[in-house]
Amino acid sequence: MASPTLFTPAAARKPLQPVKSKLTSNPTTTTPDTLSLPTRRRDLMSLSACFLLLSPVKYVLAASDEEYVKETAETIEKVRTTLNLDKNDPNISAAVSDLRDISNGWVAKYRKEKTLLSRSSFREMYSALNAVSGHYISFGPTAPLPAKRKQRILEEMDTAEKALSRGR
């Protein structure tokens, strides 16, 4: 049986007293001991911003842009060689496996880059790799691509290569 004290109303609560901060600043003195924490934080942020604005900026995208162009060109070449293999070639399974590894690595690396999403070479390449990977995942590595799909993928590769050569 429950205790009757559990159901009795609680005593009225007293309001909390405001906390007096020890870090408030005195307008007449500005020694480091008397500066408030928000003032110190503001000053530190101001100095950090000035340092960042005045320091020389290295363009990180310049090196990664060259890397993107090189890796995309290599991936285009790998897709073309794999698609042009004869369906009776004994190395087709290994070639498709290599292509899937290369395309998965390319997509995983460059899909995160917001600056590349607007490039036409990226869009065309991504679309072509998606079509190739989807076909081989659905039908297996030895299934030949239908003529229309193969033609569309090769056209997308040509478009991506042209856009890549133009810096797009």
Protein backbone atom coordinates (compact mmCIF):
# COMPACT_ATOMS: atom_id res chain seq x y z
CA MET A 1 0.00 0.00 0.00
CA ALA A 2 1.26 3.44 -0.89
CA SER A 3 2.37 5.92 1.69
CA PRO A 4 0.04 8.91 2.19
CA THR A 5 3.03 11.29 2.15
CA LEU A 6 3.60 10.71 -1.53
CA PHE A 7 0.37 12.43 -2.40
CA THR A 8 0.71 15.52 -0.24
CA PRO A 9 1.45 18.77 -2.02
CA ALA A 10 5.00 20.06 -1.88
CA ALA A 11 5.92 23.22 -0.05
CA ALA A 12 6.07 26.43 -2.08
CA ARG A 13 9.40 26.87 -3.79
CA LYS A 14 11.57 29.89 -3.25
CA PRO A 15 12.74 31.77 -6.38
CA LEU A 16 16.42 31.43 -7.23
CA GLN A 17 18.72 34.34 -6.51
CA PRO A 18 20.58 35.82 -9.51
CA VAL A 19 24.20 34.72 -9.80
CA LYS A 20 26.77 37.47 -9.49
CA SER A 21 29.53 37.02 -12.05
CA LYS A 22 33.14 37.40 -10.97
CA LEU A 23 34.22 38.07 -14.57
CA THR A 24 32.46 41.38 -15.15
CA SER A 25 34.69 44.19 -16.29
CA ASN A 26 35.18 47.47 -14.54
CA PRO A 27 34.95 50.34 -17.01
CA THR A 28 37.78 52.23 -15.32
CA THR A 29 40.38 49.42 -15.36
CA THR A 30 41.15 47.00 -18.17
CA THR A 31 43.84 44.75 -16.79
CA PRO A 32 43.79 41.13 -17.97
CA ASP A 33 42.52 40.01 -14.57
CA THR A 34 39.44 42.20 -14.80
CA LEU A 35 38.55 41.61 -18.46
CA SER A 36 35.44 39.57 -18.91
CA LEU A 37 35.61 36.26 -20.71
CA PRO A 38 33.38 37.43 -23.60
CA THR A 39 35.68 40.41 -24.17
CA ARG A 40 38.75 38.17 -24.30
CA ARG A 41 36.98 35.79 -26.65
CA ARG A 42 35.94 38.68 -28.91
CA ASP A 43 39.49 40.02 -29.02
CA LEU A 44 40.89 36.58 -29.80
CA MET A 45 38.36 36.06 -32.57
CA SER A 46 39.19 39.49 -34.03
CA LEU A 47 42.91 38.70 -34.05
CA SER A 48 42.26 35.30 -35.60
CA ALA A 49 40.12 36.81 -38.33
CA CYS A 50 42.76 39.44 -39.11
CA PHE A 51 45.45 36.78 -39.28
CA LEU A 52 43.39 34.65 -41.65
CA LEU A 53 42.53 37.58 -43.88
CA LEU A 54 46.08 38.86 -44.09
CA SER A 55 47.82 35.51 -44.52
CA PRO A 56 48.57 34.40 -48.08
CA VAL A 57 45.93 32.06 -49.41
CA LYS A 58 47.09 28.97 -51.21
CA TYR A 59 44.64 27.66 -53.71
CA VAL A 60 44.07 24.09 -52.68
CA LEU A 61 41.86 23.46 -55.67
CA ALA A 62 44.69 24.05 -58.14
CA ALA A 63 46.45 20.81 -57.21
CA SER A 64 43.21 18.91 -56.74
CA ASP A 65 41.95 20.26 -60.07
CA GLU A 66 44.96 18.77 -61.84
CA GLU A 67 44.41 15.54 -59.94
CA TYR A 68 40.72 15.55 -60.89
CA VAL A 69 41.55 16.03 -64.58
CA LYS A 70 44.16 13.27 -64.51
CA GLU A 71 42.01 10.75 -62.65
CA THR A 72 38.94 11.50 -64.75
CA ALA A 73 40.91 11.00 -67.96
CA GLU A 74 42.23 7.68 -66.64
CA THR A 75 38.74 6.58 -65.68
CA ILE A 76 37.38 7.53 -69.11
CA GLU A 77 40.11 5.44 -70.75
CA LYS A 78 39.36 2.48 -68.47
CA VAL A 79 35.64 2.65 -69.25
CA ARG A 80 36.29 2.78 -72.99
CA THR A 81 38.69 -0.17 -72.95
CA THR A 82 36.33 -2.24 -70.81
CA LEU A 83 33.30 -1.48 -72.98
CA ASN A 84 35.21 -2.32 -76.15
CA LEU A 85 36.27 -5.76 -74.93
CA ASP A 86 34.79 -8.71 -76.79
CA LYS A 87 32.09 -10.54 -74.84
CA ASN A 88 34.06 -13.81 -75.27
CA ASP A 89 37.28 -12.32 -73.87
CA PRO A 90 38.46 -14.42 -70.89
CA ASN A 91 39.65 -11.29 -69.02
CA ILE A 92 36.31 -9.49 -69.10
CA SER A 93 35.36 -10.40 -65.51
CA ALA A 94 38.65 -9.04 -64.18
CA ALA A 95 38.35 -5.91 -66.35
CA VAL A 96 34.81 -5.25 -65.10
CA SER A 97 35.94 -5.80 -61.51
CA ASP A 98 38.79 -3.31 -61.99
CA LEU A 99 36.39 -0.86 -63.61
CA ARG A 100 33.99 -1.12 -60.68
CA ASP A 101 36.83 -0.50 -58.21
CA ILE A 102 38.07 2.51 -60.18
CA SER A 103 34.59 3.97 -60.69
CA ASN A 104 33.62 3.47 -57.03
CA GLY A 105 36.83 5.18 -55.95
CA TRP A 106 36.29 8.06 -58.38
CA VAL A 107 32.70 8.59 -57.26
CA ALA A 108 33.55 8.33 -53.56
CA LYS A 109 36.38 10.82 -53.92
CA TYR A 110 34.74 13.49 -56.05
CA ARG A 111 31.07 13.26 -55.10
CA LYS A 112 31.83 15.14 -51.86
CA GLU A 113 33.46 18.08 -53.64
CA LYS A 114 30.87 20.85 -53.89
CA THR A 115 32.98 22.77 -56.40
CA LEU A 116 32.91 19.89 -58.86
CA LEU A 117 29.16 19.31 -58.76
CA SER A 118 28.51 22.17 -61.14
CA ARG A 119 31.07 21.02 -63.72
CA SER A 120 29.64 19.42 -66.83
CA SER A 121 32.52 16.93 -66.97
CA PHE A 122 31.61 15.69 -63.50
CA ARG A 123 27.90 15.35 -64.31
CA GLU A 124 28.52 13.48 -67.55
CA MET A 125 31.12 11.22 -65.97
CA TYR A 126 28.93 10.49 -62.95
CA SER A 127 25.99 9.62 -65.19
CA ALA A 128 28.07 7.30 -67.37
CA LEU A 129 29.66 5.53 -64.41
CA ASN A 130 26.25 5.11 -62.82
CA ALA A 131 24.90 3.49 -65.99
CA VAL A 132 27.90 1.16 -66.37
CA SER A 133 27.91 0.12 -62.71
CA GLY A 134 24.15 -0.35 -62.68
CA HIS A 135 24.31 -2.62 -65.71
CA TYR A 136 27.08 -4.82 -64.36
CA ILE A 137 25.50 -5.01 -60.90
CA SER A 138 22.14 -6.04 -62.36
CA PHE A 139 23.26 -8.40 -65.12
CA GLY A 140 26.71 -9.58 -64.06
CA PRO A 141 30.20 -8.87 -65.38
CA THR A 142 29.91 -11.03 -68.49
CA ALA A 143 26.62 -9.59 -69.77
CA PRO A 144 27.20 -7.31 -72.77
CA LEU A 145 25.76 -3.80 -72.71
CA PRO A 146 22.83 -3.19 -75.05
CA ALA A 147 23.83 -1.17 -78.11
CA LYS A 148 21.78 1.91 -77.16
CA ARG A 149 23.15 2.01 -73.61
CA LYS A 150 26.71 1.50 -74.83
CA GLN A 151 26.32 4.28 -77.39
CA ARG A 152 24.87 6.66 -74.79
CA ILE A 153 27.68 5.89 -72.32
CA LEU A 154 30.35 6.44 -74.96
CA GLU A 155 28.70 9.74 -75.96
CA GLU A 156 28.69 10.84 -72.32
CA MET A 157 32.37 9.92 -72.10
CA ASP A 158 33.11 12.00 -75.21
CA THR A 159 31.17 14.95 -73.78
CA ALA A 160 32.95 14.62 -70.42
CA GLU A 161 36.32 14.48 -72.14
CA LYS A 162 35.57 17.60 -74.21
CA ALA A 163 34.36 19.46 -71.13
CA LEU A 164 37.44 18.31 -69.23
CA SER A 165 39.75 19.64 -71.95
CA ARG A 166 37.95 22.99 -71.78
CA GLY A 167 38.28 23.15 -68.00
CA ARG A 168 34.61 22.59 -67.32
